[in-house]
């Protein structure tokens, strides 16, 4: 089973650049730009976590259902989206994270 990291990455990077360009050209607000990517981050987390929990439940109850391999594949694909959008989120909120980490360290 192989995952589509490069096509997913290209689509997400282009989408992020487009929404960022729209924000920079004042076609959308910064708040809307952030909301779009926060929603993508939340949805990818919920879907990936839900699939992981479902698969864990199937394993715990020793249920060998035919959706197993497909579920693992899509869990991985959504996890790739989650990771890449997390990187966008960290990049766009780095100053806040840096301040938070410095407050924790002191």
PDB file of N, CA and C in Angstrom:
ATOM      1  N   UNK A   1       0.854  -1.172   0.000  1.00  0.00           N
ATOM      2  CA  UNK A   1       0.000   0.000   0.000  1.00  0.00           C
ATOM      3  C   UNK A   1       0.901   1.237   0.000  1.00  0.00           C
ATOM      4  N   UNK A   2       0.686   2.119  -0.962  1.00  0.00           N
ATOM      5  CA  UNK A   2       1.474   3.351  -0.997  1.00  0.00           C
ATOM      6  C   UNK A   2       0.533   4.547  -0.866  1.00  0.00           C
ATOM      7  N   UNK A   3       1.063   5.585  -0.276  1.00  0.00           N
ATOM      8  CA  UNK A   3       0.276   6.783  -0.036  1.00  0.00           C
ATOM      9  C   UNK A   3       0.654   7.874  -1.031  1.00  0.00           C
ATOM     10  N   UNK A   4      -0.276   8.757  -1.296  1.00  0.00           N
ATOM     11  CA  UNK A   4      -0.106   9.818  -2.288  1.00  0.00           C
ATOM     12  C   UNK A   4       0.362  11.112  -1.628  1.00  0.00           C
ATOM     13  N   UNK A   5       1.560  11.080  -1.088  1.00  0.00           N
ATOM     14  CA  UNK A   5       2.074  12.236  -0.353  1.00  0.00           C
ATOM     15  C   UNK A   5       2.314  13.424  -1.272  1.00  0.00           C
ATOM     16  N   UNK A   6       2.956  13.202  -2.406  1.00  0.00           N
ATOM     17  CA  UNK A   6       3.314  14.313  -3.295  1.00  0.00           C
ATOM     18  C   UNK A   6       2.078  14.985  -3.894  1.00  0.00           C
ATOM     19  N   UNK A   7       1.127  14.240  -4.491  1.00  0.00           N
ATOM     20  CA  UNK A   7      -0.053  14.949  -5.018  1.00  0.00           C
ATOM     21  C   UNK A   7      -0.846  15.690  -3.944  1.00  0.00           C
ATOM     22  N   UNK A   8      -1.001  15.080  -2.784  1.00  0.00           N
ATOM     23  CA  UNK A   8      -1.723  15.747  -1.689  1.00  0.00           C
ATOM     24  C   UNK A   8      -0.958  16.999  -1.269  1.00  0.00           C
ATOM     25  N   UNK A   9       0.353  16.879  -1.135  1.00  0.00           N
ATOM     26  CA  UNK A   9       1.177  18.023  -0.746  1.00  0.00           C
ATOM     27  C   UNK A   9       1.087  19.157  -1.739  1.00  0.00           C
ATOM     28  N   UNK A  10       1.156  18.834  -3.033  1.00  0.00           N
ATOM     29  CA  UNK A  10       1.074  19.871  -4.075  1.00  0.00           C
ATOM     30  C   UNK A  10      -0.277  20.570  -4.029  1.00  0.00           C
ATOM     31  N   UNK A  11      -1.358  19.801  -3.932  1.00  0.00           N
ATOM     32  CA  UNK A  11      -2.700  20.391  -3.878  1.00  0.00           C
ATOM     33  C   UNK A  11      -2.845  21.304  -2.659  1.00  0.00           C
ATOM     34  N   UNK A  12      -2.382  20.841  -1.501  1.00  0.00           N
ATOM     35  CA  UNK A  12      -2.509  21.650  -0.288  1.00  0.00           C
ATOM     36  C   UNK A  12      -1.645  22.903  -0.342  1.00  0.00           C
ATOM     37  N   UNK A  13      -0.425  22.772  -0.833  1.00  0.00           N
ATOM     38  CA  UNK A  13       0.469  23.940  -0.913  1.00  0.00           C
ATOM     39  C   UNK A  13      -0.097  24.979  -1.876  1.00  0.00           C
ATOM     40  N   UNK A  14      -0.570  24.537  -3.042  1.00  0.00           N
ATOM     41  CA  UNK A  14      -1.169  25.471  -4.000  1.00  0.00           C
ATOM     42  C   UNK A  14      -2.408  26.128  -3.394  1.00  0.00           C
ATOM     43  N   UNK A  15      -3.238  25.341  -2.718  1.00  0.00           N
ATOM     44  CA  UNK A  15      -4.442  25.893  -2.084  1.00  0.00           C
ATOM     45  C   UNK A  15      -4.088  26.928  -1.023  1.00  0.00           C
ATOM     46  N   UNK A  16      -3.067  26.620  -0.225  1.00  0.00           N
ATOM     47  CA  UNK A  16      -2.654  27.554   0.824  1.00  0.00           C
ATOM     48  C   UNK A  16      -2.107  28.838   0.207  1.00  0.00           C
ATOM     49  N   UNK A  17      -1.270  28.697  -0.813  1.00  0.00           N
ATOM     50  CA  UNK A  17      -0.706  29.884  -1.472  1.00  0.00           C
ATOM     51  C   UNK A  17      -1.812  30.735  -2.077  1.00  0.00           C
ATOM     52  N   UNK A  18      -2.810  30.091  -2.695  1.00  0.00           N
ATOM     53  CA  UNK A  18      -3.924  30.846  -3.275  1.00  0.00           C
ATOM     54  C   UNK A  18      -4.719  31.597  -2.211  1.00  0.00           C
ATOM     55  N   UNK A  19      -5.034  30.927  -1.112  1.00  0.00           N
ATOM     56  CA  UNK A  19      -5.799  31.617  -0.072  1.00  0.00           C
ATOM     57  C   UNK A  19      -4.964  32.720   0.574  1.00  0.00           C
ATOM     58  N   UNK A  20      -3.663  32.487   0.712  1.00  0.00           N
ATOM     59  CA  UNK A  20      -2.778  33.518   1.268  1.00  0.00           C
ATOM     60  C   UNK A  20      -2.696  34.713   0.313  1.00  0.00           C
ATOM     61  N   UNK A  21      -2.598  34.434  -0.990  1.00  0.00           N
ATOM     62  CA  UNK A  21      -2.550  35.515  -1.979  1.00  0.00           C
ATOM     63  C   UNK A  21      -3.844  36.318  -1.965  1.00  0.00           C
ATOM     64  N   UNK A  22      -4.978  35.635  -1.838  1.00  0.00           N
ATOM     65  CA  UNK A  22      -6.260  36.338  -1.747  1.00  0.00           C
ATOM     66  C   UNK A  22      -6.307  37.238  -0.511  1.00  0.00           C
ATOM     67  N   UNK A  23      -5.755  36.752   0.581  1.00  0.00           N
ATOM     68  CA  UNK A  23      -5.697  37.557   1.807  1.00  0.00           C
ATOM     69  C   UNK A  23      -4.782  38.763   1.599  1.00  0.00           C
ATOM     70  N   UNK A  24      -3.609  38.546   1.008  1.00  0.00           N
ATOM     71  CA  UNK A  24      -2.655  39.644   0.806  1.00  0.00           C
ATOM     72  C   UNK A  24      -3.184  40.702  -0.160  1.00  0.00           C
ATOM     73  N   UNK A  25      -4.037  40.290  -1.104  1.00  0.00           N
ATOM     74  CA  UNK A  25      -4.624  41.232  -2.067  1.00  0.00           C
ATOM     75  C   UNK A  25      -5.957  41.798  -1.556  1.00  0.00           C
ATOM     76  N   UNK A  26      -6.258  41.541  -0.285  1.00  0.00           N
ATOM     77  CA  UNK A  26      -7.480  42.033   0.367  1.00  0.00           C
ATOM     78  C   UNK A  26      -8.768  41.558  -0.299  1.00  0.00           C
ATOM     79  N   UNK A  27      -8.725  40.380  -0.912  1.00  0.00           N
ATOM     80  CA  UNK A  27      -9.941  39.774  -1.466  1.00  0.00           C
ATOM     81  C   UNK A  27     -10.692  39.009  -0.383  1.00  0.00           C
ATOM     82  N   UNK A  28      -9.953  38.479   0.584  1.00  0.00           N
ATOM     83  CA  UNK A  28     -10.538  37.858   1.772  1.00  0.00           C
ATOM     84  C   UNK A  28      -9.795  38.401   2.982  1.00  0.00           C
ATOM     85  N   UNK A  29     -10.421  38.325   4.133  1.00  0.00           N
ATOM     86  CA  UNK A  29      -9.767  38.818   5.349  1.00  0.00           C
ATOM     87  C   UNK A  29      -8.788  37.770   5.885  1.00  0.00           C
ATOM     88  N   UNK A  30      -7.879  38.235   6.709  1.00  0.00           N
ATOM     89  CA  UNK A  30      -6.955  37.304   7.348  1.00  0.00           C
ATOM     90  C   UNK A  30      -7.734  36.318   8.212  1.00  0.00           C
ATOM     91  N   UNK A  31      -8.775  36.815   8.844  1.00  0.00           N
ATOM     92  CA  UNK A  31      -9.612  35.957   9.683  1.00  0.00           C
ATOM     93  C   UNK A  31     -10.227  34.819   8.862  1.00  0.00           C
ATOM     94  N   UNK A  32     -10.732  35.130   7.665  1.00  0.00           N
ATOM     95  CA  UNK A  32     -11.307  34.094   6.812  1.00  0.00           C
ATOM     96  C   UNK A  32     -10.242  33.100   6.359  1.00  0.00           C
ATOM     97  N   UNK A  33      -9.070  33.619   5.981  1.00  0.00           N
ATOM     98  CA  UNK A  33      -7.953  32.747   5.591  1.00  0.00           C
ATOM     99  C   UNK A  33      -7.631  31.771   6.724  1.00  0.00           C
ATOM    100  N   UNK A  34      -7.534  32.297   7.945  1.00  0.00           N
ATOM    101  CA  UNK A  34      -7.231  31.440   9.096  1.00  0.00           C
ATOM    102  C   UNK A  34      -8.361  30.464   9.389  1.00  0.00           C
ATOM    103  N   UNK A  35      -9.611  30.924   9.268  1.00  0.00           N
ATOM    104  CA  UNK A  35     -10.749  30.047   9.520  1.00  0.00           C
ATOM    105  C   UNK A  35     -10.783  28.880   8.538  1.00  0.00           C
ATOM    106  N   UNK A  36     -10.498  29.163   7.276  1.00  0.00           N
ATOM    107  CA  UNK A  36     -10.477  28.104   6.264  1.00  0.00           C
ATOM    108  C   UNK A  36      -9.503  27.009   6.674  1.00  0.00           C
ATOM    109  N   UNK A  37      -8.291  27.411   7.031  1.00  0.00           N
ATOM    110  CA  UNK A  37      -7.266  26.406   7.354  1.00  0.00           C
ATOM    111  C   UNK A  37      -7.476  25.785   8.724  1.00  0.00           C
ATOM    112  N   UNK A  38      -8.080  26.509   9.650  1.00  0.00           N
ATOM    113  CA  UNK A  38      -8.434  25.903  10.942  1.00  0.00           C
ATOM    114  C   UNK A  38      -9.520  24.847  10.758  1.00  0.00           C
ATOM    115  N   UNK A  39     -10.476  25.112   9.868  1.00  0.00           N
ATOM    116  CA  UNK A  39     -11.524  24.126   9.596  1.00  0.00           C
ATOM    117  C   UNK A  39     -10.950  22.890   8.924  1.00  0.00           C
ATOM    118  N   UNK A  40     -10.048  23.098   7.950  1.00  0.00           N
ATOM    119  CA  UNK A  40      -9.401  21.945   7.293  1.00  0.00           C
ATOM    120  C   UNK A  40      -8.619  21.137   8.330  1.00  0.00           C
ATOM    121  N   UNK A  41      -7.906  21.833   9.212  1.00  0.00           N
ATOM    122  CA  UNK A  41      -7.143  21.152  10.271  1.00  0.00           C
ATOM    123  C   UNK A  41      -8.073  20.366  11.191  1.00  0.00           C
ATOM    124  N   UNK A  42      -9.147  20.986  11.641  1.00  0.00           N
ATOM    125  CA  UNK A  42     -10.099  20.320  12.533  1.00  0.00           C
ATOM    126  C   UNK A  42     -10.748  19.114  11.861  1.00  0.00           C
ATOM    127  N   UNK A  43     -11.221  19.303  10.624  1.00  0.00           N
ATOM    128  CA  UNK A  43     -11.899  18.209   9.928  1.00  0.00           C
ATOM    129  C   UNK A  43     -10.945  17.036   9.668  1.00  0.00           C
ATOM    130  N   UNK A  44      -9.724  17.332   9.262  1.00  0.00           N
ATOM    131  CA  UNK A  44      -8.775  16.237   9.019  1.00  0.00           C
ATOM    132  C   UNK A  44      -8.456  15.514  10.325  1.00  0.00           C
ATOM    133  N   UNK A  45      -8.365  16.251  11.427  1.00  0.00           N
ATOM    134  CA  UNK A  45      -8.136  15.605  12.717  1.00  0.00           C
ATOM    135  C   UNK A  45      -9.306  14.710  13.098  1.00  0.00           C
ATOM    136  N   UNK A  46     -10.519  15.259  13.004  1.00  0.00           N
ATOM    137  CA  UNK A  46     -11.696  14.486  13.412  1.00  0.00           C
ATOM    138  C   UNK A  46     -11.870  13.227  12.566  1.00  0.00           C
ATOM    139  N   UNK A  47     -11.666  13.354  11.266  1.00  0.00           N
ATOM    140  CA  UNK A  47     -11.815  12.197  10.385  1.00  0.00           C
ATOM    141  C   UNK A  47     -10.731  11.169  10.661  1.00  0.00           C
ATOM    142  N   UNK A  48      -9.478  11.624  10.765  1.00  0.00           N
ATOM    143  CA  UNK A  48      -8.374  10.696  11.019  1.00  0.00           C
ATOM    144  C   UNK A  48      -8.517  10.029  12.385  1.00  0.00           C
ATOM    145  N   UNK A  49      -8.856  10.818  13.401  1.00  0.00           N
ATOM    146  CA  UNK A  49      -9.032  10.255  14.746  1.00  0.00           C
ATOM    147  C   UNK A  49     -10.211   9.289  14.779  1.00  0.00           C
ATOM    148  N   UNK A  50     -11.286   9.655  14.109  1.00  0.00           N
ATOM    149  CA  UNK A  50     -12.448   8.769  14.053  1.00  0.00           C
ATOM    150  C   UNK A  50     -12.118   7.444  13.380  1.00  0.00           C
ATOM    151  N   UNK A  51     -11.400   7.512  12.275  1.00  0.00           N
ATOM    152  CA  UNK A  51     -11.005   6.277  11.587  1.00  0.00           C
ATOM    153  C   UNK A  51     -10.067   5.441  12.453  1.00  0.00           C
ATOM    154  N   UNK A  52      -9.140   6.106  13.131  1.00  0.00           N
ATOM    155  CA  UNK A  52      -8.233   5.389  14.021  1.00  0.00           C
ATOM    156  C   UNK A  52      -8.969   4.717  15.163  1.00  0.00           C
ATOM    157  N   UNK A  53      -9.928   5.436  15.743  1.00  0.00           N
ATOM    158  CA  UNK A  53     -10.724   4.870  16.840  1.00  0.00           C
ATOM    159  C   UNK A  53     -11.575   3.704  16.344  1.00  0.00           C
ATOM    160  N   UNK A  54     -12.145   3.850  15.151  1.00  0.00           N
ATOM    161  CA  UNK A  54     -12.944   2.765  14.581  1.00  0.00           C
ATOM    162  C   UNK A  54     -12.084   1.530  14.347  1.00  0.00           C
ATOM    163  N   UNK A  55     -10.916   1.715  13.781  1.00  0.00           N
ATOM    164  CA  UNK A  55     -10.024   0.582  13.520  1.00  0.00           C
ATOM    165  C   UNK A  55      -9.572  -0.049  14.842  1.00  0.00           C
ATOM    166  N   UNK A  56      -9.271   0.778  15.826  1.00  0.00           N
ATOM    167  CA  UNK A  56      -8.882   0.234  17.133  1.00  0.00           C
ATOM    168  C   UNK A  56     -10.026  -0.573  17.745  1.00  0.00           C
ATOM    169  N   UNK A  57     -11.246  -0.071  17.600  1.00  0.00           N
ATOM    170  CA  UNK A  57     -12.412  -0.808  18.102  1.00  0.00           C
ATOM    171  C   UNK A  57     -12.597  -2.132  17.383  1.00  0.00           C
ATOM    172  N   UNK A  58     -12.402  -2.132  16.068  1.00  0.00           N
ATOM    173  CA  UNK A  58     -12.509  -3.378  15.309  1.00  0.00           C
ATOM    174  C   UNK A  58     -11.463  -4.391  15.768  1.00  0.00           C
ATOM    175  N   UNK A  59     -10.255  -3.906  16.031  1.00  0.00           N
ATOM    176  CA  UNK A  59      -9.190  -4.805  16.498  1.00  0.00           C
ATOM    177  C   UNK A  59      -9.497  -5.311  17.898  1.00  0.00           C
ATOM    178  N   UNK A  60      -9.942  -4.419  18.791  1.00  0.00           N
ATOM    179  CA  UNK A  60     -10.252  -4.812  20.170  1.00  0.00           C
ATOM    180  C   UNK A  60     -11.325  -5.892  20.236  1.00  0.00           C
ATOM    181  N   UNK A  61     -12.303  -5.803  19.355  1.00  0.00           N
ATOM    182  CA  UNK A  61     -13.391  -6.780  19.359  1.00  0.00           C
ATOM    183  C   UNK A  61     -13.159  -7.926  18.374  1.00  0.00           C
ATOM    184  N   UNK A  62     -11.928  -8.011  17.851  1.00  0.00           N
ATOM    185  CA  UNK A  62     -11.535  -9.076  16.921  1.00  0.00           C
ATOM    186  C   UNK A  62     -12.501  -9.211  15.740  1.00  0.00           C
ATOM    187  N   UNK A  63     -12.914  -8.079  15.220  1.00  0.00           N
ATOM    188  CA  UNK A  63     -13.820  -8.078  14.072  1.00  0.00           C
ATOM    189  C   UNK A  63     -12.992  -7.873  12.803  1.00  0.00           C
ATOM    190  N   UNK A  64     -13.031  -8.834  11.939  1.00  0.00           N
ATOM    191  CA  UNK A  64     -12.303  -8.724  10.684  1.00  0.00           C
ATOM    192  C   UNK A  64     -13.304  -8.362   9.589  1.00  0.00           C
ATOM    193  N   UNK A  65     -13.537  -7.066   9.460  1.00  0.00           N
ATOM    194  CA  UNK A  65     -14.516  -6.566   8.498  1.00  0.00           C
ATOM    195  C   UNK A  65     -13.766  -6.110   7.245  1.00  0.00           C
ATOM    196  N   UNK A  66     -14.395  -6.263   6.096  1.00  0.00           N
ATOM    197  CA  UNK A  66     -13.757  -5.972   4.815  1.00  0.00           C
ATOM    198  C   UNK A  66     -13.315  -4.523   4.666  1.00  0.00           C
ATOM    199  N   UNK A  67     -13.835  -3.617   5.475  1.00  0.00           N
ATOM    200  CA  UNK A  67     -13.419  -2.220   5.340  1.00  0.00           C
ATOM    201  C   UNK A  67     -12.030  -1.979   5.929  1.00  0.00           C
ATOM    202  N   UNK A  68     -11.453  -2.955   6.589  1.00  0.00           N
ATOM    203  CA  UNK A  68     -10.179  -2.789   7.269  1.00  0.00           C
ATOM    204  C   UNK A  68      -9.073  -2.180   6.425  1.00  0.00           C
ATOM    205  N   UNK A  69      -8.680  -2.806   5.297  1.00  0.00           N
ATOM    206  CA  UNK A  69      -7.579  -2.241   4.501  1.00  0.00           C
ATOM    207  C   UNK A  69      -7.896  -0.851   3.932  1.00  0.00           C
ATOM    208  N   UNK A  70      -9.127  -0.662   3.470  1.00  0.00           N
ATOM    209  CA  UNK A  70      -9.501   0.658   2.960  1.00  0.00           C
ATOM    210  C   UNK A  70      -9.473   1.702   4.063  1.00  0.00           C
ATOM    211  N   UNK A  71      -9.907   1.321   5.238  1.00  0.00           N
ATOM    212  CA  UNK A  71      -9.920   2.233   6.374  1.00  0.00           C
ATOM    213  C   UNK A  71      -8.496   2.663   6.730  1.00  0.00           C
ATOM    214  N   UNK A  72      -7.574   1.729   6.718  1.00  0.00           N
ATOM    215  CA  UNK A  72      -6.176   2.060   7.023  1.00  0.00           C
ATOM    216  C   UNK A  72      -5.606   3.014   5.975  1.00  0.00           C
ATOM    217  N   UNK A  73      -5.916   2.733   4.700  1.00  0.00           N
ATOM    218  CA  UNK A  73      -5.418   3.587   3.620  1.00  0.00           C
ATOM    219  C   UNK A  73      -5.938   5.016   3.771  1.00  0.00           C
ATOM    220  N   UNK A  74      -7.244   5.174   3.960  1.00  0.00           N
ATOM    221  CA  UNK A  74      -7.812   6.515   4.062  1.00  0.00           C
ATOM    222  C   UNK A  74      -7.417   7.201   5.359  1.00  0.00           C
ATOM    223  N   UNK A  75      -7.208   6.439   6.406  1.00  0.00           N
ATOM    224  CA  UNK A  75      -6.688   7.004   7.655  1.00  0.00           C
ATOM    225  C   UNK A  75      -5.310   7.613   7.399  1.00  0.00           C
ATOM    226  N   UNK A  76      -4.479   6.914   6.638  1.00  0.00           N
ATOM    227  CA  UNK A  76      -3.154   7.428   6.285  1.00  0.00           C
ATOM    228  C   UNK A  76      -3.230   8.657   5.403  1.00  0.00           C
ATOM    229  N   UNK A  77      -4.101   8.630   4.408  1.00  0.00           N
ATOM    230  CA  UNK A  77      -4.245   9.775   3.499  1.00  0.00           C
ATOM    231  C   UNK A  77      -4.702  11.022   4.260  1.00  0.00           C
ATOM    232  N   UNK A  78      -5.695  10.865   5.101  1.00  0.00           N
ATOM    233  CA  UNK A  78      -6.188  11.993   5.896  1.00  0.00           C
ATOM    234  C   UNK A  78      -5.125  12.440   6.891  1.00  0.00           C
ATOM    235  N   UNK A  79      -4.352  11.488   7.416  1.00  0.00           N
ATOM    236  CA  UNK A  79      -3.249  11.837   8.309  1.00  0.00           C
ATOM    237  C   UNK A  79      -2.198  12.687   7.615  1.00  0.00           C
ATOM    238  N   UNK A  80      -1.948  12.430   6.339  1.00  0.00           N
ATOM    239  CA  UNK A  80      -1.010  13.251   5.560  1.00  0.00           C
ATOM    240  C   UNK A  80      -1.537  14.676   5.468  1.00  0.00           C
ATOM    241  N   UNK A  81      -2.819  14.808   5.163  1.00  0.00           N
ATOM    242  CA  UNK A  81      -3.434  16.137   5.106  1.00  0.00           C
ATOM    243  C   UNK A  81      -3.309  16.826   6.461  1.00  0.00           C
ATOM    244  N   UNK A  82      -3.616  16.106   7.530  1.00  0.00           N
ATOM    245  CA  UNK A  82      -3.526  16.651   8.881  1.00  0.00           C
ATOM    246  C   UNK A  82      -2.122  17.168   9.164  1.00  0.00           C
ATOM    247  N   UNK A  83      -1.115  16.382   8.847  1.00  0.00           N
ATOM    248  CA  UNK A  83       0.270  16.774   9.120  1.00  0.00           C
ATOM    249  C   UNK A  83       0.666  18.015   8.331  1.00  0.00           C
ATOM    250  N   UNK A  84       0.345  18.040   7.040  1.00  0.00           N
ATOM    251  CA  UNK A  84       0.739  19.183   6.219  1.00  0.00           C
ATOM    252  C   UNK A  84       0.020  20.459   6.652  1.00  0.00           C
ATOM    253  N   UNK A  85      -1.260  20.361   6.955  1.00  0.00           N
ATOM    254  CA  UNK A  85      -1.993  21.542   7.404  1.00  0.00           C
ATOM    255  C   UNK A  85      -1.499  21.975   8.782  1.00  0.00           C
ATOM    256  N   UNK A  86      -1.083  21.032   9.604  1.00  0.00           N
ATOM    257  CA  UNK A  86      -0.476  21.372  10.892  1.00  0.00           C
ATOM    258  C   UNK A  86       0.780  22.210  10.681  1.00  0.00           C
ATOM    259  N   UNK A  87       1.592  21.852   9.680  1.00  0.00           N
ATOM    260  CA  UNK A  87       2.790  22.644   9.377  1.00  0.00           C
ATOM    261  C   UNK A  87       2.411  24.062   8.955  1.00  0.00           C
ATOM    262  N   UNK A  88       1.356  24.209   8.130  1.00  0.00           N
ATOM    263  CA  UNK A  88       0.885  25.543   7.752  1.00  0.00           C
ATOM    264  C   UNK A  88       0.459  26.314   9.000  1.00  0.00           C
ATOM    265  N   UNK A  89      -0.260  25.634   9.877  1.00  0.00           N
ATOM    266  CA  UNK A  89      -0.764  26.252  11.100  1.00  0.00           C
ATOM    267  C   UNK A  89       0.393  26.719  11.991  1.00  0.00           C
ATOM    268  N   UNK A  90       1.391  25.867  12.155  1.00  0.00           N
ATOM    269  CA  UNK A  90       2.557  26.243  12.964  1.00  0.00           C
ATOM    270  C   UNK A  90       3.278  27.435  12.355  1.00  0.00           C
ATOM    271  N   UNK A  91       3.432  27.431  11.030  1.00  0.00           N
ATOM    272  CA  UNK A  91       4.111  28.531  10.353  1.00  0.00           C
ATOM    273  C   UNK A  91       3.360  29.840  10.535  1.00  0.00           C
ATOM    274  N   UNK A  92       2.050  29.807  10.371  1.00  0.00           N
ATOM    275  CA  UNK A  92       1.292  31.052  10.452  1.00  0.00           C
ATOM    276  C   UNK A  92       1.113  31.548  11.885  1.00  0.00           C
ATOM    277  N   UNK A  93       1.277  30.684  12.861  1.00  0.00           N
ATOM    278  CA  UNK A  93       1.112  31.068  14.268  1.00  0.00           C
ATOM    279  C   UNK A  93       2.404  30.932  15.066  1.00  0.00           C
ATOM    280  N   UNK A  94       3.541  30.954  14.377  1.00  0.00           N
ATOM    281  CA  UNK A  94       4.813  30.689  15.039  1.00  0.00           C
ATOM    282  C   UNK A  94       5.100  31.673  16.173  1.00  0.00           C
ATOM    283  N   UNK A  95       4.820  32.958  15.974  1.00  0.00           N
ATOM    284  CA  UNK A  95       5.135  33.938  17.028  1.00  0.00           C
ATOM    285  C   UNK A  95       4.336  33.648  18.300  1.00  0.00           C
ATOM    286  N   UNK A  96       3.087  33.235  18.142  1.00  0.00           N
ATOM    287  CA  UNK A  96       2.269  32.887  19.303  1.00  0.00           C
ATOM    288  C   UNK A  96       2.828  31.662  20.007  1.00  0.00           C
ATOM    289  N   UNK A  97       3.212  30.643  19.232  1.00  0.00           N
ATOM    290  CA  UNK A  97       3.780  29.437  19.833  1.00  0.00           C
ATOM    291  C   UNK A  97       5.101  29.728  20.525  1.00  0.00           C
ATOM    292  N   UNK A  98       5.910  30.582  19.910  1.00  0.00           N
ATOM    293  CA  UNK A  98       7.203  30.921  20.499  1.00  0.00           C
ATOM    294  C   UNK A  98       7.008  31.632  21.831  1.00  0.00           C
ATOM    295  N   UNK A  99       6.046  32.568  21.883  1.00  0.00           N
ATOM    296  CA  UNK A  99       5.762  33.270  23.128  1.00  0.00           C
ATOM    297  C   UNK A  99       5.239  32.303  24.196  1.00  0.00           C
ATOM    298  N   UNK A 100       4.353  31.395  23.794  1.00  0.00           N
ATOM    299  CA  UNK A 100       3.808  30.415  24.719  1.00  0.00           C
ATOM    300  C   UNK A 100       4.904  29.507  25.275  1.00  0.00           C
ATOM    301  N   UNK A 101       5.785  29.038  24.394  1.00  0.00           N
ATOM    302  CA  UNK A 101       6.871  28.163  24.835  1.00  0.00           C
ATOM    303  C   UNK A 101       7.850  28.907  25.746  1.00  0.00           C
ATOM    304  N   UNK A 102       8.119  30.165  25.472  1.00  0.00           N
ATOM    305  CA  UNK A 102       9.042  30.931  26.336  1.00  0.00           C
ATOM    306  C   UNK A 102       8.417  31.153  27.714  1.00  0.00           C
ATOM    307  N   UNK A 103       7.087  31.331  27.761  1.00  0.00           N
ATOM    308  CA  UNK A 103       6.411  31.488  29.065  1.00  0.00           C
ATOM    309  C   UNK A 103       6.440  30.184  29.854  1.00  0.00           C
ATOM    310  N   UNK A 104       6.325  29.061  29.177  1.00  0.00           N
ATOM    311  CA  UNK A 104       6.366  27.765  29.859  1.00  0.00           C
ATOM    312  C   UNK A 104       7.762  27.483  30.391  1.00  0.00           C
ATOM    313  N   UNK A 105       8.794  27.847  29.606  1.00  0.00           N
ATOM    314  CA  UNK A 105      10.176  27.565  29.986  1.00  0.00           C
ATOM    315  C   UNK A 105      10.630  28.420  31.166  1.00  0.00           C
ATOM    316  N   UNK A 106      10.041  29.589  31.339  1.00  0.00           N
ATOM    317  CA  UNK A 106      10.504  30.455  32.432  1.00  0.00           C
ATOM    318  C   UNK A 106       9.712  30.310  33.696  1.00  0.00           C
TER     319      UNK A 106
END
